[in-house]
C-alpha cells in the first residue's frame, strides 16, 4: 500500500527533531570523563528517549500519539521555559506541537 505525504511528514519531522534535540547532549563530552560522562550523556538524552517513545506510539496509533505529542509540546514549553523567548519556543516547543497536530490530523482522517 502506498502512503501519502500526511503519513510520512510527521514521522520524518519527528525523527529530524529527535536528531536536533540529541545534538544538545554532545556537550557532555567536553565536560566529563569516565562514568560521569556516561551518566551525564544518558541524562541529557532523556528528552530524546521520550520523543522516540512517543514516536513509536504515534506510528501505530496516530490519534493517541498525536495527543501525546501535543501534551509533550506543552510540557516542553514549561519544563524548558520556552515561553520566555520566541526563538526558544520556535525551536523546541513548536515542532513538537506541529508534529502532534499532524499525527492527530492523520488519525482523525483515517476514519
PDB file of N, CA and C in Angstrom:
ATOM      1  N   UNK A   1       0.834  -1.173   0.000  1.00  0.00           N
ATOM      2  CA  UNK A   1       0.000   0.000   0.000  1.00  0.00           C
ATOM      3  C   UNK A   1       0.889   1.250   0.000  1.00  0.00           C
ATOM      4  N   UNK A   2       0.558   2.184  -0.839  1.00  0.00           N
ATOM      5  CA  UNK A   2       1.330   3.417  -0.953  1.00  0.00           C
ATOM      6  C   UNK A   2       0.828   4.438   0.066  1.00  0.00           C
ATOM      7  N   UNK A   3       1.753   5.027   0.793  1.00  0.00           N
ATOM      8  CA  UNK A   3       1.414   6.019   1.816  1.00  0.00           C
ATOM      9  C   UNK A   3       1.621   7.412   1.263  1.00  0.00           C
ATOM     10  N   UNK A   4       0.753   8.340   1.650  1.00  0.00           N
ATOM     11  CA  UNK A   4       0.838   9.713   1.175  1.00  0.00           C
ATOM     12  C   UNK A   4       1.702  10.581   2.073  1.00  0.00           C
ATOM     13  N   UNK A   5       1.716  11.865   1.732  1.00  0.00           N
ATOM     14  CA  UNK A   5       2.557  12.818   2.459  1.00  0.00           C
ATOM     15  C   UNK A   5       2.099  12.991   3.903  1.00  0.00           C
ATOM     16  N   UNK A   6       0.797  12.865   4.145  1.00  0.00           N
ATOM     17  CA  UNK A   6       0.298  13.029   5.512  1.00  0.00           C
ATOM     18  C   UNK A   6       0.788  11.911   6.425  1.00  0.00           C
ATOM     19  N   UNK A   7       1.068  10.772   5.859  1.00  0.00           N
ATOM     20  CA  UNK A   7       1.606   9.659   6.645  1.00  0.00           C
ATOM     21  C   UNK A   7       3.074   9.907   6.986  1.00  0.00           C
ATOM     22  N   UNK A   8       3.865  10.335   6.013  1.00  0.00           N
ATOM     23  CA  UNK A   8       5.312  10.426   6.198  1.00  0.00           C
ATOM     24  C   UNK A   8       5.797  11.740   6.801  1.00  0.00           C
ATOM     25  N   UNK A   9       5.080  12.831   6.586  1.00  0.00           N
ATOM     26  CA  UNK A   9       5.550  14.134   7.071  1.00  0.00           C
ATOM     27  C   UNK A   9       5.746  14.183   8.590  1.00  0.00           C
ATOM     28  N   UNK A  10       4.773  13.794   9.422  1.00  0.00           N
ATOM     29  CA  UNK A  10       5.017  13.872  10.866  1.00  0.00           C
ATOM     30  C   UNK A  10       6.101  12.913  11.341  1.00  0.00           C
ATOM     31  N   UNK A  11       6.225  11.778  10.690  1.00  0.00           N
ATOM     32  CA  UNK A  11       7.261  10.808  11.072  1.00  0.00           C
ATOM     33  C   UNK A  11       8.652  11.352  10.759  1.00  0.00           C
ATOM     34  N   UNK A  12       8.811  11.918   9.563  1.00  0.00           N
ATOM     35  CA  UNK A  12      10.103  12.490   9.178  1.00  0.00           C
ATOM     36  C   UNK A  12      10.456  13.688  10.054  1.00  0.00           C
ATOM     37  N   UNK A  13       9.480  14.572  10.291  1.00  0.00           N
ATOM     38  CA  UNK A  13       9.744  15.739  11.133  1.00  0.00           C
ATOM     39  C   UNK A  13      10.121  15.340  12.554  1.00  0.00           C
ATOM     40  N   UNK A  14       9.446  14.335  13.086  1.00  0.00           N
ATOM     41  CA  UNK A  14       9.764  13.930  14.457  1.00  0.00           C
ATOM     42  C   UNK A  14      11.141  13.285  14.533  1.00  0.00           C
ATOM     43  N   UNK A  15      11.529  12.502  13.520  1.00  0.00           N
ATOM     44  CA  UNK A  15      12.878  11.918  13.524  1.00  0.00           C
ATOM     45  C   UNK A  15      13.945  13.003  13.418  1.00  0.00           C
ATOM     46  N   UNK A  16      13.710  13.995  12.567  1.00  0.00           N
ATOM     47  CA  UNK A  16      14.657  15.114  12.466  1.00  0.00           C
ATOM     48  C   UNK A  16      14.741  15.887  13.769  1.00  0.00           C
ATOM     49  N   UNK A  17      13.607  16.067  14.426  1.00  0.00           N
ATOM     50  CA  UNK A  17      13.613  16.790  15.695  1.00  0.00           C
ATOM     51  C   UNK A  17      14.346  16.005  16.782  1.00  0.00           C
ATOM     52  N   UNK A  18      14.204  14.689  16.795  1.00  0.00           N
ATOM     53  CA  UNK A  18      14.948  13.861  17.758  1.00  0.00           C
ATOM     54  C   UNK A  18      16.446  14.043  17.535  1.00  0.00           C
ATOM     55  N   UNK A  19      16.873  14.048  16.279  1.00  0.00           N
ATOM     56  CA  UNK A  19      18.297  14.272  15.994  1.00  0.00           C
ATOM     57  C   UNK A  19      18.741  15.661  16.450  1.00  0.00           C
ATOM     58  N   UNK A  20      17.906  16.667  16.222  1.00  0.00           N
ATOM     59  CA  UNK A  20      18.222  18.032  16.652  1.00  0.00           C
ATOM     60  C   UNK A  20      18.376  18.122  18.167  1.00  0.00           C
ATOM     61  N   UNK A  21      17.422  17.546  18.893  1.00  0.00           N
ATOM     62  CA  UNK A  21      17.474  17.589  20.356  1.00  0.00           C
ATOM     63  C   UNK A  21      18.659  16.781  20.879  1.00  0.00           C
ATOM     64  N   UNK A  22      18.978  15.683  20.207  1.00  0.00           N
ATOM     65  CA  UNK A  22      20.095  14.837  20.636  1.00  0.00           C
ATOM     66  C   UNK A  22      21.437  15.556  20.504  1.00  0.00           C
ATOM     67  N   UNK A  23      21.530  16.507  19.600  1.00  0.00           N
ATOM     68  CA  UNK A  23      22.785  17.255  19.452  1.00  0.00           C
ATOM     69  C   UNK A  23      23.167  17.982  20.735  1.00  0.00           C
ATOM     70  N   UNK A  24      22.174  18.395  21.504  1.00  0.00           N
ATOM     71  CA  UNK A  24      22.462  19.131  22.732  1.00  0.00           C
ATOM     72  C   UNK A  24      23.114  18.250  23.797  1.00  0.00           C
ATOM     73  N   UNK A  25      23.010  16.948  23.650  1.00  0.00           N
ATOM     74  CA  UNK A  25      23.639  16.035  24.608  1.00  0.00           C
ATOM     75  C   UNK A  25      25.137  15.897  24.364  1.00  0.00           C
ATOM     76  N   UNK A  26      25.601  16.357  23.224  1.00  0.00           N
ATOM     77  CA  UNK A  26      27.015  16.192  22.883  1.00  0.00           C
ATOM     78  C   UNK A  26      27.944  17.073  23.720  1.00  0.00           C
ATOM     79  N   UNK A  27      27.414  18.100  24.360  1.00  0.00           N
ATOM     80  CA  UNK A  27      28.280  18.983  25.141  1.00  0.00           C
ATOM     81  C   UNK A  27      28.887  18.285  26.350  1.00  0.00           C
ATOM     82  N   UNK A  28      28.342  17.152  26.763  1.00  0.00           N
ATOM     83  CA  UNK A  28      28.896  16.454  27.931  1.00  0.00           C
ATOM     84  C   UNK A  28      30.266  15.863  27.649  1.00  0.00           C
ATOM     85  N   UNK A  29      30.608  15.649  26.372  1.00  0.00           N
ATOM     86  CA  UNK A  29      31.895  15.042  26.050  1.00  0.00           C
ATOM     87  C   UNK A  29      33.068  15.961  26.353  1.00  0.00           C
ATOM     88  N   UNK A  30      32.811  17.261  26.472  1.00  0.00           N
ATOM     89  CA  UNK A  30      33.866  18.205  26.822  1.00  0.00           C
ATOM     90  C   UNK A  30      33.853  18.539  28.307  1.00  0.00           C
ATOM     91  N   UNK A  31      32.840  18.096  29.011  1.00  0.00           N
ATOM     92  CA  UNK A  31      32.673  18.441  30.415  1.00  0.00           C
ATOM     93  C   UNK A  31      33.104  17.338  31.383  1.00  0.00           C
ATOM     94  N   UNK A  32      32.839  16.094  31.028  1.00  0.00           N
ATOM     95  CA  UNK A  32      33.002  14.987  31.980  1.00  0.00           C
ATOM     96  C   UNK A  32      33.931  13.916  31.434  1.00  0.00           C
ATOM     97  N   UNK A  33      34.352  13.032  32.351  1.00  0.00           N
ATOM     98  CA  UNK A  33      35.170  11.878  31.977  1.00  0.00           C
ATOM     99  C   UNK A  33      34.699  10.669  32.772  1.00  0.00           C
ATOM    100  N   UNK A  34      34.978   9.485  32.227  1.00  0.00           N
ATOM    101  CA  UNK A  34      34.661   8.251  32.942  1.00  0.00           C
ATOM    102  C   UNK A  34      33.178   7.980  33.074  1.00  0.00           C
ATOM    103  N   UNK A  35      32.791   7.408  34.207  1.00  0.00           N
ATOM    104  CA  UNK A  35      31.395   7.022  34.421  1.00  0.00           C
ATOM    105  C   UNK A  35      30.476   8.231  34.516  1.00  0.00           C
ATOM    106  N   UNK A  36      31.026   9.386  34.937  1.00  0.00           N
ATOM    107  CA  UNK A  36      30.215  10.607  34.985  1.00  0.00           C
ATOM    108  C   UNK A  36      29.802  11.041  33.579  1.00  0.00           C
ATOM    109  N   UNK A  37      30.675  10.777  32.606  1.00  0.00           N
ATOM    110  CA  UNK A  37      30.352  11.078  31.219  1.00  0.00           C
ATOM    111  C   UNK A  37      29.148  10.264  30.762  1.00  0.00           C
ATOM    112  N   UNK A  38      29.162   8.978  31.050  1.00  0.00           N
ATOM    113  CA  UNK A  38      28.050   8.110  30.666  1.00  0.00           C
ATOM    114  C   UNK A  38      26.749   8.544  31.341  1.00  0.00           C
ATOM    115  N   UNK A  39      26.808   8.815  32.621  1.00  0.00           N
ATOM    116  CA  UNK A  39      25.625   9.252  33.363  1.00  0.00           C
ATOM    117  C   UNK A  39      25.087  10.577  32.821  1.00  0.00           C
ATOM    118  N   UNK A  40      25.976  11.539  32.591  1.00  0.00           N
ATOM    119  CA  UNK A  40      25.557  12.841  32.069  1.00  0.00           C
ATOM    120  C   UNK A  40      24.968  12.703  30.667  1.00  0.00           C
ATOM    121  N   UNK A  41      25.567  11.850  29.848  1.00  0.00           N
ATOM    122  CA  UNK A  41      25.059  11.656  28.486  1.00  0.00           C
ATOM    123  C   UNK A  41      23.658  11.055  28.508  1.00  0.00           C
ATOM    124  N   UNK A  42      23.453  10.051  29.327  1.00  0.00           N
ATOM    125  CA  UNK A  42      22.129   9.424  29.431  1.00  0.00           C
ATOM    126  C   UNK A  42      21.105  10.440  29.931  1.00  0.00           C
ATOM    127  N   UNK A  43      21.480  11.242  30.910  1.00  0.00           N
ATOM    128  CA  UNK A  43      20.555  12.245  31.439  1.00  0.00           C
ATOM    129  C   UNK A  43      20.198  13.291  30.380  1.00  0.00           C
ATOM    130  N   UNK A  44      21.183  13.694  29.576  1.00  0.00           N
ATOM    131  CA  UNK A  44      20.924  14.674  28.528  1.00  0.00           C
ATOM    132  C   UNK A  44      20.097  14.088  27.383  1.00  0.00           C
ATOM    133  N   UNK A  45      20.107  12.763  27.258  1.00  0.00           N
ATOM    134  CA  UNK A  45      19.355  12.104  26.187  1.00  0.00           C
ATOM    135  C   UNK A  45      17.916  11.766  26.582  1.00  0.00           C
ATOM    136  N   UNK A  46      17.528  12.020  27.821  1.00  0.00           N
ATOM    137  CA  UNK A  46      16.165  11.686  28.275  1.00  0.00           C
ATOM    138  C   UNK A  46      15.094  12.310  27.378  1.00  0.00           C
ATOM    139  N   UNK A  47      15.175  13.600  27.018  1.00  0.00           N
ATOM    140  CA  UNK A  47      14.139  14.132  26.115  1.00  0.00           C
ATOM    141  C   UNK A  47      14.075  13.387  24.775  1.00  0.00           C
ATOM    142  N   UNK A  48      15.224  12.988  24.257  1.00  0.00           N
ATOM    143  CA  UNK A  48      15.236  12.233  23.006  1.00  0.00           C
ATOM    144  C   UNK A  48      14.593  10.864  23.187  1.00  0.00           C
ATOM    145  N   UNK A  49      14.881  10.206  24.297  1.00  0.00           N
ATOM    146  CA  UNK A  49      14.277   8.899  24.562  1.00  0.00           C
ATOM    147  C   UNK A  49      12.760   9.021  24.688  1.00  0.00           C
ATOM    148  N   UNK A  50      12.295  10.062  25.346  1.00  0.00           N
ATOM    149  CA  UNK A  50      10.846  10.288  25.484  1.00  0.00           C
ATOM    150  C   UNK A  50      10.229  10.540  24.111  1.00  0.00           C
ATOM    151  N   UNK A  51      10.882  11.365  23.297  1.00  0.00           N
ATOM    152  CA  UNK A  51      10.372  11.637  21.958  1.00  0.00           C
ATOM    153  C   UNK A  51      10.322  10.370  21.105  1.00  0.00           C
ATOM    154  N   UNK A  52      11.336   9.525  21.218  1.00  0.00           N
ATOM    155  CA  UNK A  52      11.344   8.266  20.471  1.00  0.00           C
ATOM    156  C   UNK A  52      10.200   7.364  20.927  1.00  0.00           C
ATOM    157  N   UNK A  53       9.960   7.308  22.226  1.00  0.00           N
ATOM    158  CA  UNK A  53       8.854   6.506  22.738  1.00  0.00           C
ATOM    159  C   UNK A  53       7.508   6.995  22.234  1.00  0.00           C
ATOM    160  N   UNK A  54       7.320   8.312  22.221  1.00  0.00           N
ATOM    161  CA  UNK A  54       6.055   8.868  21.725  1.00  0.00           C
ATOM    162  C   UNK A  54       5.941   8.641  20.217  1.00  0.00           C
ATOM    163  N   UNK A  55       7.047   8.710  19.498  1.00  0.00           N
ATOM    164  CA  UNK A  55       7.020   8.437  18.061  1.00  0.00           C
ATOM    165  C   UNK A  55       6.604   6.995  17.785  1.00  0.00           C
ATOM    166  N   UNK A  56       7.103   6.058  18.567  1.00  0.00           N
ATOM    167  CA  UNK A  56       6.715   4.654  18.397  1.00  0.00           C
ATOM    168  C   UNK A  56       5.212   4.497  18.629  1.00  0.00           C
ATOM    169  N   UNK A  57       4.700   5.147  19.668  1.00  0.00           N
ATOM    170  CA  UNK A  57       3.261   5.116  19.929  1.00  0.00           C
ATOM    171  C   UNK A  57       2.486   5.732  18.763  1.00  0.00           C
ATOM    172  N   UNK A  58       2.944   6.889  18.288  1.00  0.00           N
ATOM    173  CA  UNK A  58       2.240   7.597  17.225  1.00  0.00           C
ATOM    174  C   UNK A  58       2.289   6.832  15.906  1.00  0.00           C
ATOM    175  N   UNK A  59       3.338   6.084  15.690  1.00  0.00           N
ATOM    176  CA  UNK A  59       3.467   5.327  14.445  1.00  0.00           C
ATOM    177  C   UNK A  59       2.348   4.292  14.345  1.00  0.00           C
ATOM    178  N   UNK A  60       2.031   3.680  15.467  1.00  0.00           N
ATOM    179  CA  UNK A  60       0.986   2.648  15.490  1.00  0.00           C
ATOM    180  C   UNK A  60      -0.408   3.223  15.710  1.00  0.00           C
ATOM    181  N   UNK A  61      -0.514   4.207  16.588  1.00  0.00           N
ATOM    182  CA  UNK A  61      -1.807   4.808  16.946  1.00  0.00           C
ATOM    183  C   UNK A  61      -1.714   6.320  16.772  1.00  0.00           C
ATOM    184  N   UNK A  62      -1.943   6.821  15.560  1.00  0.00           N
ATOM    185  CA  UNK A  62      -1.725   8.253  15.296  1.00  0.00           C
ATOM    186  C   UNK A  62      -2.540   9.192  16.181  1.00  0.00           C
ATOM    187  N   UNK A  63      -3.777   8.828  16.495  1.00  0.00           N
ATOM    188  CA  UNK A  63      -4.584   9.722  17.350  1.00  0.00           C
ATOM    189  C   UNK A  63      -3.980   9.850  18.735  1.00  0.00           C
ATOM    190  N   UNK A  64      -3.638   8.725  19.337  1.00  0.00           N
ATOM    191  CA  UNK A  64      -3.062   8.747  20.689  1.00  0.00           C
ATOM    192  C   UNK A  64      -1.663   9.364  20.666  1.00  0.00           C
ATOM    193  N   UNK A  65      -0.899   9.040  19.653  1.00  0.00           N
ATOM    194  CA  UNK A  65       0.436   9.628  19.534  1.00  0.00           C
ATOM    195  C   UNK A  65       0.383  11.125  19.306  1.00  0.00           C
ATOM    196  N   UNK A  66      -0.593  11.568  18.495  1.00  0.00           N
ATOM    197  CA  UNK A  66      -0.756  13.000  18.271  1.00  0.00           C
ATOM    198  C   UNK A  66      -1.098  13.734  19.550  1.00  0.00           C
ATOM    199  N   UNK A  67      -2.003  13.137  20.322  1.00  0.00           N
ATOM    200  CA  UNK A  67      -2.364  13.745  21.611  1.00  0.00           C
ATOM    201  C   UNK A  67      -1.156  13.763  22.550  1.00  0.00           C
ATOM    202  N   UNK A  68      -0.362  12.687  22.525  1.00  0.00           N
ATOM    203  CA  UNK A  68       0.828  12.628  23.376  1.00  0.00           C
ATOM    204  C   UNK A  68       1.855  13.675  22.948  1.00  0.00           C
ATOM    205  N   UNK A  69       2.046  13.865  21.636  1.00  0.00           N
ATOM    206  CA  UNK A  69       2.967  14.902  21.160  1.00  0.00           C
ATOM    207  C   UNK A  69       2.478  16.294  21.560  1.00  0.00           C
ATOM    208  N   UNK A  70       1.168  16.532  21.461  1.00  0.00           N
ATOM    209  CA  UNK A  70       0.643  17.837  21.877  1.00  0.00           C
ATOM    210  C   UNK A  70       0.879  18.071  23.370  1.00  0.00           C
ATOM    211  N   UNK A  71       0.624  17.053  24.167  1.00  0.00           N
ATOM    212  CA  UNK A  71       0.881  17.165  25.600  1.00  0.00           C
ATOM    213  C   UNK A  71       2.369  17.385  25.864  1.00  0.00           C
ATOM    214  N   UNK A  72       3.208  16.667  25.141  1.00  0.00           N
ATOM    215  CA  UNK A  72       4.656  16.819  25.297  1.00  0.00           C
ATOM    216  C   UNK A  72       5.109  18.221  24.883  1.00  0.00           C
ATOM    217  N   UNK A  73       4.481  18.787  23.865  1.00  0.00           N
ATOM    218  CA  UNK A  73       4.799  20.160  23.464  1.00  0.00           C
ATOM    219  C   UNK A  73       4.497  21.156  24.564  1.00  0.00           C
ATOM    220  N   UNK A  74       3.371  20.962  25.254  1.00  0.00           N
ATOM    221  CA  UNK A  74       3.027  21.830  26.385  1.00  0.00           C
ATOM    222  C   UNK A  74       4.027  21.629  27.528  1.00  0.00           C
ATOM    223  N   UNK A  75       4.367  20.374  27.806  1.00  0.00           N
ATOM    224  CA  UNK A  75       5.346  20.076  28.863  1.00  0.00           C
ATOM    225  C   UNK A  75       6.693  20.706  28.527  1.00  0.00           C
ATOM    226  N   UNK A  76       7.150  20.574  27.268  1.00  0.00           N
ATOM    227  CA  UNK A  76       8.419  21.181  26.859  1.00  0.00           C
ATOM    228  C   UNK A  76       8.375  22.695  27.035  1.00  0.00           C
ATOM    229  N   UNK A  77       7.239  23.299  26.746  1.00  0.00           N
ATOM    230  CA  UNK A  77       7.117  24.752  26.856  1.00  0.00           C
ATOM    231  C   UNK A  77       7.400  25.219  28.282  1.00  0.00           C
ATOM    232  N   UNK A  78       6.864  24.518  29.247  1.00  0.00           N
ATOM    233  CA  UNK A  78       7.061  24.943  30.633  1.00  0.00           C
ATOM    234  C   UNK A  78       8.316  24.355  31.264  1.00  0.00           C
ATOM    235  N   UNK A  79       8.689  23.128  30.924  1.00  0.00           N
ATOM    236  CA  UNK A  79       9.879  22.489  31.506  1.00  0.00           C
ATOM    237  C   UNK A  79      11.150  23.212  31.074  1.00  0.00           C
ATOM    238  N   UNK A  80      11.209  23.575  29.785  1.00  0.00           N
ATOM    239  CA  UNK A  80      12.396  24.243  29.257  1.00  0.00           C
ATOM    240  C   UNK A  80      12.228  25.761  29.185  1.00  0.00           C
ATOM    241  N   UNK A  81      11.150  26.295  29.761  1.00  0.00           N
ATOM    242  CA  UNK A  81      10.874  27.739  29.801  1.00  0.00           C
ATOM    243  C   UNK A  81      10.920  28.400  28.423  1.00  0.00           C
ATOM    244  N   UNK A  82      10.424  27.709  27.415  1.00  0.00           N
ATOM    245  CA  UNK A  82      10.473  28.291  26.069  1.00  0.00           C
ATOM    246  C   UNK A  82       9.434  29.382  25.874  1.00  0.00           C
ATOM    247  N   UNK A  83       8.525  29.523  26.819  1.00  0.00           N
ATOM    248  CA  UNK A  83       7.534  30.595  26.724  1.00  0.00           C
ATOM    249  C   UNK A  83       8.164  31.954  26.986  1.00  0.00           C
ATOM    250  N   UNK A  84       9.372  31.982  27.511  1.00  0.00           N
ATOM    251  CA  UNK A  84      10.024  33.248  27.837  1.00  0.00           C
ATOM    252  C   UNK A  84      10.608  33.946  26.610  1.00  0.00           C
ATOM    253  N   UNK A  85      11.033  33.174  25.619  1.00  0.00           N
ATOM    254  CA  UNK A  85      11.629  33.756  24.412  1.00  0.00           C
ATOM    255  C   UNK A  85      11.039  33.100  23.171  1.00  0.00           C
ATOM    256  N   UNK A  86      10.775  33.904  22.178  1.00  0.00           N
ATOM    257  CA  UNK A  86      10.137  33.413  20.960  1.00  0.00           C
ATOM    258  C   UNK A  86      11.010  32.381  20.254  1.00  0.00           C
ATOM    259  N   UNK A  87      12.304  32.638  20.150  1.00  0.00           N
ATOM    260  CA  UNK A  87      13.177  31.719  19.417  1.00  0.00           C
ATOM    261  C   UNK A  87      13.235  30.352  20.100  1.00  0.00           C
ATOM    262  N   UNK A  88      13.260  30.332  21.414  1.00  0.00           N
ATOM    263  CA  UNK A  88      13.241  29.062  22.136  1.00  0.00           C
ATOM    264  C   UNK A  88      11.959  28.298  21.886  1.00  0.00           C
ATOM    265  N   UNK A  89      10.840  29.017  21.866  1.00  0.00           N
ATOM    266  CA  UNK A  89       9.558  28.378  21.586  1.00  0.00           C
ATOM    267  C   UNK A  89       9.529  27.826  20.163  1.00  0.00           C
ATOM    268  N   UNK A  90      10.021  28.611  19.215  1.00  0.00           N
ATOM    269  CA  UNK A  90      10.020  28.186  17.809  1.00  0.00           C
ATOM    270  C   UNK A  90      10.916  26.977  17.566  1.00  0.00           C
ATOM    271  N   UNK A  91      12.014  26.876  18.299  1.00  0.00           N
ATOM    272  CA  UNK A  91      12.964  25.777  18.084  1.00  0.00           C
ATOM    273  C   UNK A  91      12.654  24.521  18.886  1.00  0.00           C
ATOM    274  N   UNK A  92      12.073  24.660  20.061  1.00  0.00           N
ATOM    275  CA  UNK A  92      11.887  23.500  20.943  1.00  0.00           C
ATOM    276  C   UNK A  92      10.427  23.057  21.040  1.00  0.00           C
ATOM    277  N   UNK A  93       9.532  23.964  21.304  1.00  0.00           N
ATOM    278  CA  UNK A  93       8.139  23.575  21.563  1.00  0.00           C
ATOM    279  C   UNK A  93       7.292  23.468  20.300  1.00  0.00           C
ATOM    280  N   UNK A  94       7.423  24.431  19.408  1.00  0.00           N
ATOM    281  CA  UNK A  94       6.561  24.453  18.231  1.00  0.00           C
ATOM    282  C   UNK A  94       6.702  23.211  17.348  1.00  0.00           C
ATOM    283  N   UNK A  95       7.914  22.710  17.073  1.00  0.00           N
ATOM    284  CA  UNK A  95       7.993  21.496  16.254  1.00  0.00           C
ATOM    285  C   UNK A  95       7.236  20.310  16.857  1.00  0.00           C
ATOM    286  N   UNK A  96       7.284  20.171  18.176  1.00  0.00           N
ATOM    287  CA  UNK A  96       6.578  19.063  18.828  1.00  0.00           C
ATOM    288  C   UNK A  96       5.071  19.258  18.691  1.00  0.00           C
ATOM    289  N   UNK A  97       4.606  20.489  18.829  1.00  0.00           N
ATOM    290  CA  UNK A  97       3.180  20.774  18.681  1.00  0.00           C
ATOM    291  C   UNK A  97       2.710  20.554  17.242  1.00  0.00           C
ATOM    292  N   UNK A  98       3.531  20.938  16.279  1.00  0.00           N
ATOM    293  CA  UNK A  98       3.179  20.737  14.866  1.00  0.00           C
ATOM    294  C   UNK A  98       3.107  19.249  14.539  1.00  0.00           C
ATOM    295  N   UNK A  99       4.090  18.484  14.993  1.00  0.00           N
ATOM    296  CA  UNK A  99       4.088  17.038  14.759  1.00  0.00           C
ATOM    297  C   UNK A  99       2.857  16.409  15.410  1.00  0.00           C
ATOM    298  N   UNK A 100       2.527  16.843  16.609  1.00  0.00           N
ATOM    299  CA  UNK A 100       1.334  16.334  17.278  1.00  0.00           C
ATOM    300  C   UNK A 100       0.073  16.640  16.496  1.00  0.00           C
ATOM    301  N   UNK A 101      -0.024  17.844  15.985  1.00  0.00           N
ATOM    302  CA  UNK A 101      -1.177  18.209  15.167  1.00  0.00           C
ATOM    303  C   UNK A 101      -1.268  17.381  13.892  1.00  0.00           C
ATOM    304  N   UNK A 102      -0.122  17.121  13.265  1.00  0.00           N
ATOM    305  CA  UNK A 102      -0.118  16.315  12.039  1.00  0.00           C
ATOM    306  C   UNK A 102      -0.516  14.865  12.316  1.00  0.00           C
ATOM    307  N   UNK A 103      -0.003  14.291  13.401  1.00  0.00           N
ATOM    308  CA  UNK A 103      -0.402  12.924  13.753  1.00  0.00           C
ATOM    309  C   UNK A 103      -1.889  12.871  14.092  1.00  0.00           C
ATOM    310  N   UNK A 104      -2.369  13.862  14.811  1.00  0.00           N
ATOM    311  CA  UNK A 104      -3.785  13.898  15.169  1.00  0.00           C
ATOM    312  C   UNK A 104      -4.652  14.037  13.912  1.00  0.00           C
ATOM    313  N   UNK A 105      -4.231  14.879  13.003  1.00  0.00           N
ATOM    314  CA  UNK A 105      -4.947  15.046  11.741  1.00  0.00           C
ATOM    315  C   UNK A 105      -4.993  13.726  10.975  1.00  0.00           C
ATOM    316  N   UNK A 106      -3.852  13.052  10.908  1.00  0.00           N
ATOM    317  CA  UNK A 106      -3.806  11.751  10.229  1.00  0.00           C
ATOM    318  C   UNK A 106      -4.739  10.754  10.900  1.00  0.00           C
ATOM    319  N   UNK A 107      -4.699  10.703  12.230  1.00  0.00           N
ATOM    320  CA  UNK A 107      -5.525   9.761  12.963  1.00  0.00           C
ATOM    321  C   UNK A 107      -7.009  10.031  12.800  1.00  0.00           C
ATOM    322  N   UNK A 108      -7.400  11.289  12.774  1.00  0.00           N
ATOM    323  CA  UNK A 108      -8.810  11.633  12.607  1.00  0.00           C
ATOM    324  C   UNK A 108      -9.270  11.426  11.161  1.00  0.00           C
ATOM    325  N   UNK A 109      -8.354  11.538  10.241  1.00  0.00           N
ATOM    326  CA  UNK A 109      -8.683  11.376   8.828  1.00  0.00           C
ATOM    327  C   UNK A 109      -8.838   9.912   8.440  1.00  0.00           C
ATOM    328  N   UNK A 110      -8.263   9.002   9.228  1.00  0.00           N
ATOM    329  CA  UNK A 110      -8.318   7.573   8.900  1.00  0.00           C
ATOM    330  C   UNK A 110      -9.723   7.000   8.992  1.00  0.00           C
ATOM    331  N   UNK A 111     -10.608   7.632   9.722  1.00  0.00           N
ATOM    332  CA  UNK A 111     -11.961   7.098   9.903  1.00  0.00           C
ATOM    333  C   UNK A 111     -12.632   6.843   8.625  1.00  0.00           C
TER     334      UNK A 111
END
